[in-house]
Amino acid sequence: MKLTFIGAAHEVTGSCHYLEACGKHILIDCGLEQGPDLYENQDIPVSPSTIDYVLLTHAHIDHSGKLPLLVKNGFKGDIVSTFASADLCSIMLRDSAHIQVAEAEWRNRKARRSGGPMYEPLYDMQDAQNTIMLLAPVDYNQKIQLCEGIDVRFTDIGHLLGSACIEIWIHENGVEKKIVFSGDVGNIDQPLIRDPQNVSDADYLVIESTYGDRIHAAEKPDYIGELTRILRETFERGGNVVIPSFAVGRTQELLYFFREIKEKSLLPEYSNFEVYVDSPLAIDATTVFQKNTRSCFDEEAMALINQGINPLLFPGLKTTITSEESKLINFDDKPKVILSASGMCEAGRIRHHLKHNLWRRECTVLFVGYQAEGTLGRKLVEGADCVKLFGENIEVNAHIEILQGISGHADMNGLLNWLDGFSKKPSHVFVVHGEDAVTDSFAHTITDRFHIPAFAPYSGGAVDLATDTILSPGIKIPKKAVEKPARQRASAAFGRVVAAAKRLMDVVLKNEGLANKDLAKFETQIQNLADKWDRDDV
């Protein structure tokens, strides 16, 4: 009866935990790392073909994205999730496979030009299809026997359509233990989906800590009022509202808000405004939301359903599938809303819409989600005057707005309140799925408040559940330490280039007043140099 932590240990993404019990090998989540990758993850200690089950908390790629790689390498067991998670995985894993293959093709084009090594994608579309065939969905709140000695139950955790915390009962060699995996705990009062449901008891709890050191605003933001204001001001200027939005979850919440604005006639002077959803993944995900209303929607959304009202549909909603349809959106002069992925502007159709709208003073770019460090979205939020898109420098003249307060994650108080809902508190808590320092600080917060031992393992950390013994805290191997010499050399070389550029600028200023003919020649030489070294496609 042993639990080993593999991924999302002192990191926010890449959730993966390995459970050995009753002669079975079980994974809880198998996600891709996304964004900053601080530490080396230990390998799963058995071959994929040996693993019997994967229990999936929800469909987000940082929890499910390595499943096709697991299948590619020999896994043939059941992937157990809720029905809605299985439906979302069927589209999100295929989308992930498409991205993996497209990135490999792009890297290999560069490799062929430079003579570098070829790149193999993590997995392809066939691997994703093979994974989807292994999905074995179950209902919420249904206690099932996974195998002899192990029972499981999926409880709504309110983070995403179909998201769940997983309760696992283990009976082995006369010892009975219950371990609960929180998954990602949802924020309360989100549109469409239910609030997190409580769990009564546990011997052990594995809890996320994404917002383990942050508090959401005490007063619920007026999303409808803010959206209405932004739409009115932008339409009065004759511009478009461009919204970089995550395809699954956030897009559907916004459709819910737009329907309410139209239903309540909050924008009567522009009552016929159109909303374009320009993301095939978002369109497919919206269909999944509509399919799973009765098992996942909250009371407010269900009241609409029972009145015969689809909370995600309204007059003026347009969807575009093909790239040709997408391009035509920007040839229509009528003010409109354009919802497109990706949410951080790093890829996808949103970059085309930004290219056509960022330079227009009458337009608005509205951000509705977190923008990670280094992303184009972050640069725009922080006030960039000019950005590069498809090899062109684009001036940022559009209004940049942020819809504050939207979050699918519980904050620190939400996490603590959910844990406080246990009538029988766990004897030990393990903190995962948070930033490096946050996991430790949140573990201390839990201990201070509940007087429960809590610690944040590194990858490879292991616990004997039968005896409540920490076998290993894990292995802390920073990736930055491995890469540091190369990064230092690259940084020094780049510094020399910057110094050379500064010298060039000094030379330019010294030549003020030169004859126009000579200045034109000088400009051509600089432009040729810039064209040669422009790295927008890197």
Protein backbone atom coordinates (compact mmCIF):
# COMPACT_ATOMS: atom_id res chain seq x y z
CA MET A 1 0.00 0.00 0.00
CA LYS A 2 2.37 2.65 -1.32
CA LEU A 3 1.89 6.05 -2.95
CA THR A 4 4.63 7.66 -5.06
CA PHE A 5 4.48 11.24 -6.33
CA ILE A 6 5.70 11.62 -9.92
CA GLY A 7 4.45 14.91 -11.41
CA ALA A 8 3.12 18.29 -10.21
CA ALA A 9 5.43 17.98 -7.20
CA HIS A 10 6.55 21.53 -6.29
CA GLU A 11 5.24 22.45 -9.76
CA VAL A 12 1.86 23.60 -11.06
CA THR A 13 1.39 21.21 -13.98
CA GLY A 14 2.04 17.62 -15.04
CA SER A 15 -0.14 15.90 -12.44
CA CYS A 16 0.75 12.22 -11.94
CA HIS A 17 0.68 9.96 -8.87
CA TYR A 18 1.43 6.23 -8.69
CA LEU A 19 -0.42 3.93 -6.29
CA GLU A 20 0.50 0.32 -5.51
CA ALA A 21 -2.14 -1.68 -3.64
CA CYS A 22 -3.74 -5.14 -3.72
CA GLY A 23 -1.25 -6.27 -6.33
CA LYS A 24 -2.38 -3.53 -8.74
CA HIS A 25 -0.51 -0.62 -10.30
CA ILE A 26 -2.64 2.53 -10.60
CA LEU A 27 -1.98 6.05 -11.85
CA ILE A 28 -4.01 9.02 -10.69
CA ASP A 29 -3.74 11.46 -13.63
CA CYS A 30 -1.06 11.44 -16.32
CA GLY A 31 -0.59 15.04 -17.43
CA LEU A 32 1.73 17.09 -19.58
CA GLU A 33 3.91 19.76 -18.05
CA GLN A 34 2.99 23.19 -19.38
CA GLY A 35 4.78 26.47 -18.81
CA PRO A 36 7.73 26.68 -16.37
CA ASP A 37 9.37 23.30 -15.68
CA LEU A 38 11.53 23.68 -12.58
CA TYR A 39 12.41 20.15 -11.55
CA GLU A 40 13.28 16.85 -13.14
CA ASN A 41 10.44 14.36 -12.74
CA GLN A 42 11.26 10.80 -11.76
CA ASP A 43 10.06 8.09 -14.11
CA ILE A 44 7.04 5.99 -13.26
CA PRO A 45 8.76 3.01 -11.59
CA VAL A 46 7.03 0.35 -13.73
CA SER A 47 6.56 -0.04 -17.46
CA PRO A 48 3.30 1.30 -18.94
CA SER A 49 2.26 -2.23 -19.89
CA THR A 50 2.30 -3.16 -16.18
CA ILE A 51 -0.12 -0.40 -15.14
CA ASP A 52 -3.65 -1.70 -14.58
CA TYR A 53 -5.72 1.49 -14.31
CA VAL A 54 -5.56 5.24 -14.69
CA LEU A 55 -7.99 7.29 -12.59
CA LEU A 56 -8.48 10.71 -14.18
CA THR A 57 -9.60 13.74 -12.14
CA HIS A 58 -10.47 15.87 -15.18
CA ALA A 59 -9.72 16.52 -18.84
CA HIS A 60 -7.33 19.47 -18.72
CA ILE A 61 -4.15 18.59 -20.60
CA ASP A 62 -1.89 19.09 -17.56
CA HIS A 63 -3.81 16.16 -16.02
CA SER A 64 -4.55 14.03 -19.11
CA GLY A 65 -2.06 15.06 -21.80
CA LYS A 66 0.44 12.20 -21.40
CA LEU A 67 -2.17 9.44 -21.64
CA PRO A 68 -1.53 8.89 -25.39
CA LEU A 69 2.21 8.55 -24.66
CA LEU A 70 1.38 5.99 -21.96
CA VAL A 71 -0.74 4.06 -24.48
CA LYS A 72 1.93 4.40 -27.17
CA ASN A 73 4.39 2.75 -24.78
CA GLY A 74 2.18 -0.22 -23.96
CA PHE A 75 -0.61 0.72 -21.52
CA LYS A 76 -3.78 -1.26 -22.23
CA GLY A 77 -5.83 -0.85 -19.03
CA ASP A 78 -8.96 1.17 -18.26
CA ILE A 79 -8.90 4.97 -17.99
CA VAL A 80 -11.64 5.67 -15.48
CA SER A 81 -13.23 9.14 -15.36
CA THR A 82 -16.62 10.81 -15.29
CA PHE A 83 -18.72 10.75 -18.46
CA ALA A 84 -18.17 14.46 -19.13
CA SER A 85 -14.39 14.12 -18.68
CA ALA A 86 -14.37 11.21 -21.12
CA ASP A 87 -16.30 13.31 -23.66
CA LEU A 88 -13.89 16.23 -23.27
CA CYS A 89 -10.85 13.95 -23.49
CA SER A 90 -12.11 12.55 -26.76
CA ILE A 91 -11.68 16.00 -28.34
CA MET A 92 -8.83 17.44 -26.26
CA LEU A 93 -6.45 14.51 -26.70
CA ARG A 94 -7.00 14.56 -30.46
CA ASP A 95 -6.32 18.29 -30.43
CA SER A 96 -3.18 17.71 -28.36
CA ALA A 97 -2.00 15.06 -30.84
CA HIS A 98 -2.53 17.50 -33.69
CA ILE A 99 -0.38 20.07 -31.85
CA GLN A 100 2.34 17.49 -31.14
CA VAL A 101 2.54 16.47 -34.81
CA ALA A 102 2.40 20.06 -36.10
CA GLU A 103 5.21 21.11 -33.74
CA ALA A 104 7.32 18.15 -34.87
CA GLU A 105 6.81 19.08 -38.52
CA TRP A 106 7.81 22.67 -37.79
CA ARG A 107 10.94 21.60 -35.87
CA ASN A 108 11.92 19.13 -38.56
CA ARG A 109 11.66 21.75 -41.31
CA LYS A 110 14.17 23.81 -39.37
CA ALA A 111 16.33 20.74 -38.69
CA ARG A 112 16.49 19.87 -42.37
CA ARG A 113 17.64 23.39 -43.21
CA SER A 114 20.28 23.43 -40.47
CA GLY A 115 21.35 19.78 -40.61
CA GLY A 116 20.18 19.23 -37.03
CA PRO A 117 18.65 16.05 -35.57
CA MET A 118 15.06 15.16 -36.44
CA TYR A 119 12.35 15.52 -33.79
CA GLU A 120 9.76 12.83 -33.03
CA PRO A 121 6.40 13.95 -31.61
CA LEU A 122 5.43 12.59 -28.19
CA TYR A 123 2.49 10.89 -29.89
CA ASP A 124 0.30 11.13 -32.95
CA MET A 125 -3.39 11.01 -33.81
CA GLN A 126 -3.52 7.19 -33.82
CA ASP A 127 -2.10 7.12 -30.29
CA ALA A 128 -4.81 9.57 -29.23
CA GLN A 129 -7.53 7.47 -30.87
CA ASN A 130 -6.19 4.34 -29.17
CA THR A 131 -6.33 6.19 -25.84
CA ILE A 132 -9.91 7.29 -26.36
CA MET A 133 -10.89 3.65 -26.88
CA LEU A 134 -9.69 2.89 -23.33
CA LEU A 135 -11.87 5.51 -21.62
CA ALA A 136 -14.20 3.83 -19.11
CA PRO A 137 -16.59 6.50 -17.76
CA VAL A 138 -18.59 6.27 -14.52
CA ASP A 139 -21.30 8.44 -12.92
CA TYR A 140 -20.67 10.95 -10.18
CA ASN A 141 -21.23 9.65 -6.63
CA GLN A 142 -21.26 6.00 -7.74
CA LYS A 143 -19.06 3.83 -5.53
CA ILE A 144 -17.64 1.08 -7.73
CA GLN A 145 -15.32 -1.84 -7.17
CA LEU A 146 -12.25 -1.17 -9.25
CA CYS A 147 -10.83 -4.59 -8.41
CA GLU A 148 -10.67 -6.96 -5.46
CA GLY A 149 -9.82 -4.84 -2.41
CA ILE A 150 -10.14 -1.39 -4.07
CA ASP A 151 -13.29 0.74 -4.38
CA VAL A 152 -13.46 4.22 -5.92
CA ARG A 153 -15.91 7.12 -6.15
CA PHE A 154 -15.82 10.31 -8.22
CA THR A 155 -17.27 13.42 -6.52
CA ASP A 156 -17.94 16.73 -8.29
CA ILE A 157 -15.18 19.20 -7.44
CA GLY A 158 -16.55 22.15 -9.46
CA HIS A 159 -13.42 23.06 -11.45
CA LEU A 160 -14.39 22.07 -14.99
CA LEU A 161 -17.23 20.19 -16.61
CA GLY A 162 -16.77 16.61 -15.36
CA SER A 163 -14.00 17.43 -12.87
CA ALA A 164 -13.85 15.25 -9.76
CA CYS A 165 -12.01 14.51 -6.61
CA ILE A 166 -11.40 10.77 -6.33
CA GLU A 167 -12.05 8.76 -3.17
CA ILE A 168 -10.22 5.42 -2.98
CA TRP A 169 -10.89 2.74 -0.35
CA ILE A 170 -8.14 0.11 0.01
CA HIS A 171 -8.52 -3.21 1.89
CA GLU A 172 -5.25 -5.15 1.95
CA ASN A 173 -3.83 -7.71 4.41
CA GLY A 174 -6.37 -6.80 7.06
CA VAL A 175 -5.62 -3.06 6.81
CA GLU A 176 -8.23 -0.58 5.58
CA LYS A 177 -7.27 2.91 4.44
CA LYS A 178 -9.02 5.65 2.49
CA ILE A 179 -7.11 8.16 0.37
CA VAL A 180 -8.66 11.14 -1.40
CA PHE A 181 -7.17 13.00 -4.38
CA SER A 182 -8.67 16.49 -4.61
CA GLY A 183 -7.89 17.07 -8.27
CA ASP A 184 -8.27 20.80 -8.99
CA VAL A 185 -10.73 22.29 -6.49
CA GLY A 186 -13.11 24.69 -8.20
CA ASN A 187 -14.04 28.24 -7.33
CA ILE A 188 -17.54 28.81 -5.96
CA ASP A 189 -20.34 30.57 -7.86
CA GLN A 190 -18.98 29.81 -11.30
CA PRO A 191 -21.49 29.97 -14.14
CA LEU A 192 -22.91 26.69 -15.45
CA ILE A 193 -21.18 24.13 -13.21
CA ARG A 194 -21.83 23.21 -9.59
CA ASP A 195 -19.80 24.29 -6.58
CA PRO A 196 -17.31 21.77 -5.14
CA GLN A 197 -19.03 19.03 -3.14
CA ASN A 198 -17.74 18.00 0.26
CA VAL A 199 -16.15 14.67 1.14
CA SER A 200 -16.95 13.21 4.55
CA ASP A 201 -13.73 11.52 5.58
CA ALA A 202 -10.26 10.31 4.63
CA ASP A 203 -7.17 8.81 6.18
CA TYR A 204 -4.98 10.64 3.66
CA LEU A 205 -5.56 13.63 1.40
CA VAL A 206 -3.58 14.69 -1.66
CA ILE A 207 -4.58 18.32 -2.26
CA GLU A 208 -3.71 20.86 -4.94
CA SER A 209 -2.32 24.30 -4.07
CA THR A 210 -2.49 26.34 -7.28
CA TYR A 211 -3.85 29.36 -5.39
CA GLY A 212 -2.58 28.20 -2.00
CA ASP A 213 -1.17 31.63 -1.15
CA ARG A 214 -3.74 33.89 -2.82
CA ILE A 215 -7.18 35.22 -1.98
CA HIS A 216 -9.79 36.10 -4.58
CA ALA A 217 -11.60 39.42 -4.23
CA ALA A 218 -14.02 39.41 -1.31
CA GLU A 219 -16.80 40.86 -3.44
CA LYS A 220 -17.91 38.90 -6.48
CA PRO A 221 -17.06 40.93 -9.61
CA ASP A 222 -19.90 42.21 -11.77
CA TYR A 223 -18.96 40.24 -14.89
CA ILE A 224 -22.14 41.14 -16.75
CA GLY A 225 -21.83 44.84 -15.98
CA GLU A 226 -18.17 44.99 -16.98
CA LEU A 227 -18.77 43.06 -20.19
CA THR A 228 -21.69 45.33 -21.09
CA ARG A 229 -19.56 48.43 -20.51
CA ILE A 230 -16.70 47.12 -22.66
CA LEU A 231 -19.05 46.11 -25.48
CA ARG A 232 -20.87 49.45 -25.47
CA GLU A 233 -17.70 51.57 -25.46
CA THR A 234 -16.08 49.50 -28.20
CA PHE A 235 -19.14 49.36 -30.45
CA GLU A 236 -19.61 53.13 -30.08
CA ARG A 237 -16.09 53.54 -31.47
CA GLY A 238 -16.98 51.18 -34.33
CA GLY A 239 -14.51 48.51 -33.23
CA ASN A 240 -14.39 44.80 -32.49
CA VAL A 241 -13.99 43.16 -29.09
CA VAL A 242 -11.35 40.45 -29.51
CA ILE A 243 -11.21 37.91 -26.65
CA PRO A 244 -8.33 35.42 -26.40
CA SER A 245 -10.10 32.61 -24.56
CA PHE A 246 -9.35 29.08 -23.43
CA ALA A 247 -11.46 26.79 -25.58
CA VAL A 248 -12.74 24.55 -22.78
CA GLY A 249 -14.48 26.14 -19.81
CA ARG A 250 -13.81 29.86 -20.23
CA THR A 251 -15.41 30.15 -23.67
CA GLN A 252 -18.60 28.49 -22.44
CA GLU A 253 -18.76 30.82 -19.41
CA LEU A 254 -18.54 33.83 -21.71
CA LEU A 255 -21.30 32.48 -23.95
CA TYR A 256 -23.43 32.20 -20.80
CA PHE A 257 -22.74 35.89 -20.02
CA PHE A 258 -23.44 37.06 -23.58
CA ARG A 259 -26.77 35.20 -23.60
CA GLU A 260 -27.76 37.01 -20.39
CA ILE A 261 -26.77 40.42 -21.81
CA LYS A 262 -29.00 39.79 -24.81
CA GLU A 263 -31.86 38.23 -22.85
CA LYS A 264 -32.04 41.17 -20.41
CA SER A 265 -31.59 43.76 -23.20
CA LEU A 266 -28.65 45.32 -21.38
CA LEU A 267 -27.28 46.66 -24.66
CA PRO A 268 -30.46 47.78 -26.48
CA GLU A 269 -28.64 50.12 -28.86
CA TYR A 270 -26.63 47.14 -30.18
CA SER A 271 -29.09 44.32 -29.52
CA ASN A 272 -28.14 42.46 -32.71
CA PHE A 273 -24.40 42.32 -32.06
CA GLU A 274 -22.74 39.13 -33.29
CA VAL A 275 -20.42 36.83 -31.34
CA TYR A 276 -18.04 34.66 -33.36
CA VAL A 277 -16.60 31.53 -31.77
CA ASP A 278 -13.57 30.95 -33.96
CA SER A 279 -12.08 27.76 -32.53
CA PRO A 280 -13.00 24.24 -33.67
CA LEU A 281 -11.98 22.90 -30.23
CA ALA A 282 -14.20 25.44 -28.45
CA ILE A 283 -17.12 24.54 -30.72
CA ASP A 284 -16.68 20.82 -29.99
CA ALA A 285 -16.30 21.53 -26.28
CA THR A 286 -19.52 23.56 -26.26
CA THR A 287 -21.31 20.54 -27.75
CA VAL A 288 -19.93 18.42 -24.88
CA PHE A 289 -21.24 20.98 -22.36
CA GLN A 290 -24.68 20.78 -23.94
CA LYS A 291 -24.58 16.98 -23.82
CA ASN A 292 -23.81 16.84 -20.08
CA THR A 293 -26.25 19.37 -18.68
CA ARG A 294 -28.14 17.14 -16.24
CA SER A 295 -25.07 15.54 -14.69
CA CYS A 296 -22.94 18.69 -14.36
CA PHE A 297 -24.91 21.97 -14.52
CA ASP A 298 -25.81 23.96 -11.41
CA GLU A 299 -29.34 24.91 -10.30
CA GLU A 300 -29.38 28.25 -12.11
CA ALA A 301 -28.35 26.72 -15.43
CA MET A 302 -30.75 23.80 -14.97
CA ALA A 303 -33.63 26.23 -14.32
CA LEU A 304 -32.99 27.63 -17.80
CA ILE A 305 -32.81 24.15 -19.30
CA ASN A 306 -36.12 23.22 -17.67
CA GLN A 307 -37.70 26.31 -19.25
CA GLY A 308 -36.50 25.13 -22.65
CA ILE A 309 -33.70 27.71 -22.78
CA ASN A 310 -30.22 26.66 -23.86
CA PRO A 311 -27.88 28.74 -21.66
CA LEU A 312 -25.14 28.66 -24.32
CA LEU A 313 -27.18 29.72 -27.37
CA PHE A 314 -28.52 33.13 -28.38
CA PRO A 315 -29.34 35.14 -31.53
CA GLY A 316 -26.20 36.39 -33.24
CA LEU A 317 -23.95 33.50 -32.19
CA LYS A 318 -21.75 32.44 -35.12
CA THR A 319 -19.28 29.56 -35.33
CA THR A 320 -16.45 29.12 -37.80
CA ILE A 321 -14.79 25.80 -38.57
CA THR A 322 -12.53 26.27 -41.57
CA SER A 323 -9.60 28.65 -41.85
CA GLU A 324 -11.34 30.35 -44.79
CA GLU A 325 -14.37 31.10 -42.60
CA SER A 326 -12.02 32.43 -39.96
CA LYS A 327 -10.31 34.82 -42.38
CA LEU A 328 -13.64 36.24 -43.56
CA ILE A 329 -14.45 37.49 -40.03
CA ASN A 330 -11.97 40.35 -40.38
CA PHE A 331 -13.36 41.41 -43.77
CA ASP A 332 -16.72 42.24 -42.16
CA ASP A 333 -16.72 45.88 -41.03
CA LYS A 334 -19.62 45.45 -38.60
CA PRO A 335 -18.54 45.74 -34.91
CA LYS A 336 -18.57 42.29 -33.32
CA VAL A 337 -17.14 40.01 -30.63
CA ILE A 338 -14.45 37.52 -31.68
CA LEU A 339 -13.78 34.65 -29.25
CA SER A 340 -10.74 32.65 -30.30
CA ALA A 341 -7.99 30.44 -28.87
CA SER A 342 -5.38 30.30 -27.50
CA GLY A 343 -6.10 32.03 -24.23
CA MET A 344 -2.54 33.39 -23.86
CA CYS A 345 -2.17 34.33 -27.56
CA GLU A 346 0.71 31.91 -28.08
CA ALA A 347 -0.79 29.97 -31.00
CA GLY A 348 -3.90 29.43 -33.02
CA ARG A 349 -6.31 31.72 -34.82
CA ILE A 350 -6.27 34.43 -32.18
CA ARG A 351 -2.93 35.65 -33.50
CA HIS A 352 -4.53 36.39 -36.90
CA HIS A 353 -7.31 38.34 -35.23
CA LEU A 354 -4.78 40.31 -33.19
CA LYS A 355 -2.87 41.13 -36.35
CA HIS A 356 -6.03 42.62 -37.88
CA ASN A 357 -7.31 44.43 -34.78
CA LEU A 358 -4.43 45.41 -32.45
CA TRP A 359 -3.43 48.41 -34.54
CA ARG A 360 -7.00 49.79 -34.65
CA ARG A 361 -7.71 52.42 -31.97
CA GLU A 362 -11.42 51.68 -32.05
CA CYS A 363 -10.96 48.00 -31.06
CA THR A 364 -10.62 46.29 -27.68
CA VAL A 365 -8.64 43.19 -26.71
CA LEU A 366 -10.24 41.70 -23.61
CA PHE A 367 -8.31 39.21 -21.46
CA VAL A 368 -10.37 36.81 -19.36
CA GLY A 369 -7.74 34.51 -17.88
CA TYR A 370 -4.26 34.29 -16.43
CA GLN A 371 -1.41 35.28 -18.75
CA ALA A 372 1.83 33.43 -17.98
CA GLU A 373 5.21 35.12 -17.92
CA GLY A 374 6.78 35.38 -21.37
CA THR A 375 3.56 34.94 -23.37
CA LEU A 376 2.25 37.41 -25.93
CA GLY A 377 -0.82 37.86 -23.76
CA ARG A 378 1.35 38.87 -20.80
CA LYS A 379 3.22 41.41 -22.95
CA LEU A 380 -0.05 43.01 -24.03
CA VAL A 381 -1.42 43.09 -20.48
CA GLU A 382 1.81 44.73 -19.28
CA GLY A 383 1.49 47.53 -21.84
CA ALA A 384 3.61 46.59 -24.86
CA ASP A 385 3.55 49.36 -27.51
CA CYS A 386 4.44 47.04 -30.36
CA VAL A 387 4.44 43.28 -30.90
CA LYS A 388 5.54 41.04 -33.73
CA LEU A 389 3.03 38.77 -35.48
CA PHE A 390 3.85 36.70 -38.56
CA GLY A 391 7.01 38.68 -39.22
CA GLU A 392 5.33 42.09 -38.97
CA ASN A 393 5.67 44.71 -36.28
CA ILE A 394 2.13 45.56 -35.14
CA GLU A 395 1.48 48.73 -33.15
CA VAL A 396 -0.71 48.23 -30.10
CA ASN A 397 -3.34 50.95 -30.44
CA ALA A 398 -6.36 48.91 -29.35
CA HIS A 399 -7.73 49.28 -25.82
CA ILE A 400 -6.46 46.48 -23.56
CA GLU A 401 -8.98 45.39 -20.93
CA ILE A 402 -8.96 42.66 -18.26
CA LEU A 403 -12.09 41.02 -16.87
CA GLN A 404 -10.91 40.67 -13.30
CA GLY A 405 -11.87 37.85 -10.99
CA ILE A 406 -12.64 34.99 -13.36
CA SER A 407 -10.92 31.88 -12.04
CA GLY A 408 -11.73 28.19 -12.16
CA HIS A 409 -9.57 27.51 -9.08
CA ALA A 410 -10.45 27.88 -5.43
CA ASP A 411 -8.25 30.36 -3.60
CA MET A 412 -6.47 29.61 -0.32
CA ASN A 413 -9.64 30.11 1.72
CA GLY A 414 -11.64 27.98 -0.70
CA LEU A 415 -9.16 25.13 -0.37
CA LEU A 416 -9.14 25.40 3.42
CA ASN A 417 -12.94 25.57 3.58
CA TRP A 418 -13.21 22.45 1.42
CA LEU A 419 -10.78 20.62 3.72
CA ASP A 420 -12.73 21.89 6.73
CA GLY A 421 -15.79 20.14 5.27
CA PHE A 422 -14.33 16.74 6.16
CA SER A 423 -16.19 15.50 9.24
CA LYS A 424 -13.31 13.12 9.88
CA LYS A 425 -10.10 14.94 9.04
CA PRO A 426 -7.24 13.06 7.34
CA SER A 427 -4.30 11.96 9.48
CA HIS A 428 -1.83 13.22 6.87
CA VAL A 429 -2.08 15.72 3.98
CA PHE A 430 0.20 15.81 0.94
CA VAL A 431 0.35 19.10 -0.98
CA VAL A 432 0.94 19.06 -4.73
CA HIS A 433 0.12 21.00 -7.88
CA GLY A 434 1.43 24.43 -6.86
CA GLU A 435 4.37 26.74 -7.38
CA ASP A 436 7.58 25.72 -5.65
CA ALA A 437 7.34 27.93 -2.56
CA VAL A 438 3.53 27.82 -2.44
CA THR A 439 3.37 24.06 -1.85
CA ASP A 440 5.49 24.41 1.30
CA SER A 441 3.70 27.49 2.60
CA PHE A 442 0.28 25.93 2.06
CA ALA A 443 1.39 22.76 3.86
CA HIS A 444 2.38 24.93 6.83
CA THR A 445 -0.98 26.73 6.66
CA ILE A 446 -2.84 23.41 6.83
CA THR A 447 -0.80 22.26 9.82
CA ASP A 448 -1.28 25.57 11.64
CA ARG A 449 -5.04 25.63 11.09
CA PHE A 450 -5.99 21.97 11.47
CA HIS A 451 -3.03 20.56 13.43
CA ILE A 452 -2.63 17.89 10.75
CA PRO A 453 0.82 16.81 9.53
CA ALA A 454 1.23 18.11 5.98
CA PHE A 455 4.17 18.15 3.62
CA ALA A 456 4.92 18.85 0.00
CA PRO A 457 6.84 16.01 -1.66
CA TYR A 458 9.26 16.38 -4.53
CA SER A 459 9.08 13.99 -7.47
CA GLY A 460 9.90 10.49 -6.31
CA GLY A 461 8.55 11.12 -2.82
CA ALA A 462 6.82 8.03 -1.41
CA VAL A 463 4.53 7.12 1.48
CA ASP A 464 3.66 3.76 3.05
CA LEU A 465 -0.10 4.20 3.51
CA ALA A 466 -0.50 1.13 5.70
CA THR A 467 1.80 2.52 8.40
CA ASP A 468 1.57 6.27 7.65
CA THR A 469 5.32 6.39 7.08
CA ILE A 470 7.06 8.79 4.73
CA LEU A 471 9.53 6.60 2.86
CA SER A 472 11.14 9.44 0.91
CA PRO A 473 10.56 13.21 0.57
CA GLY A 474 11.49 12.95 -3.10
CA ILE A 475 14.44 14.14 -5.12
CA LYS A 476 14.99 17.83 -5.76
CA ILE A 477 16.82 18.10 -9.09
CA PRO A 478 16.44 21.62 -10.52
CA LYS A 479 16.37 21.68 -14.30
CA LYS A 480 17.93 25.11 -14.27
CA ALA A 481 21.04 23.69 -12.61
CA VAL A 482 21.43 21.22 -15.46
CA GLU A 483 21.02 23.92 -18.09
CA LYS A 484 22.90 26.74 -16.34
CA PRO A 485 26.32 26.60 -18.12
CA ALA A 486 24.74 26.59 -21.56
CA ARG A 487 22.33 29.35 -20.55
CA GLN A 488 25.20 31.44 -19.19
CA ARG A 489 27.11 31.11 -22.46
CA ALA A 490 24.00 32.02 -24.45
CA SER A 491 23.33 34.99 -22.18
CA ALA A 492 26.89 36.27 -22.57
CA ALA A 493 26.72 35.96 -26.36
CA PHE A 494 23.38 37.75 -26.43
CA GLY A 495 24.79 40.50 -24.25
CA ARG A 496 27.54 41.10 -26.80
CA VAL A 497 24.92 41.38 -29.55
CA VAL A 498 22.96 43.94 -27.51
CA ALA A 499 26.17 45.94 -26.96
CA ALA A 500 26.84 45.89 -30.71
CA ALA A 501 23.29 47.12 -31.37
CA LYS A 502 23.81 50.01 -28.96
CA ARG A 503 27.02 50.92 -30.79
CA LEU A 504 25.09 50.87 -34.09
CA MET A 505 22.56 53.29 -32.62
CA ASP A 506 25.40 55.60 -31.59
CA VAL A 507 26.71 55.49 -35.15
CA VAL A 508 23.22 56.29 -36.51
CA LEU A 509 22.94 59.37 -34.29
CA LYS A 510 26.39 60.57 -35.30
CA ASN A 511 25.30 60.55 -38.95
CA GLU A 512 22.43 62.97 -38.47
CA GLY A 513 22.68 65.62 -41.20
CA LEU A 514 24.34 63.28 -43.72
CA ALA A 515 23.28 63.69 -47.34
CA ASN A 516 19.95 62.03 -48.18
CA LYS A 517 21.63 59.76 -50.73
CA ASP A 518 24.08 58.44 -48.13
CA LEU A 519 21.33 58.10 -45.49
CA ALA A 520 19.23 56.06 -47.91
CA LYS A 521 22.18 53.73 -48.51
CA PHE A 522 22.79 53.44 -44.75
CA GLU A 523 19.08 52.64 -44.15
CA THR A 524 19.12 49.92 -46.82
CA GLN A 525 22.13 48.26 -45.19
CA ILE A 526 20.44 48.29 -41.76
CA GLN A 527 17.17 46.96 -43.18
CA ASN A 528 19.00 44.15 -44.98
CA LEU A 529 20.78 43.22 -41.76
CA ALA A 530 17.48 43.23 -39.84
CA ASP A 531 15.76 41.10 -42.50
CA LYS A 532 18.59 38.57 -42.42
CA TRP A 533 18.42 38.08 -38.64
CA ASP A 534 14.68 38.50 -37.99
CA ARG A 535 13.79 35.44 -35.85
CA ASP A 536 9.98 35.65 -35.64
CA ASP A 537 9.67 32.03 -36.85
CA VAL A 538 11.93 30.61 -34.10
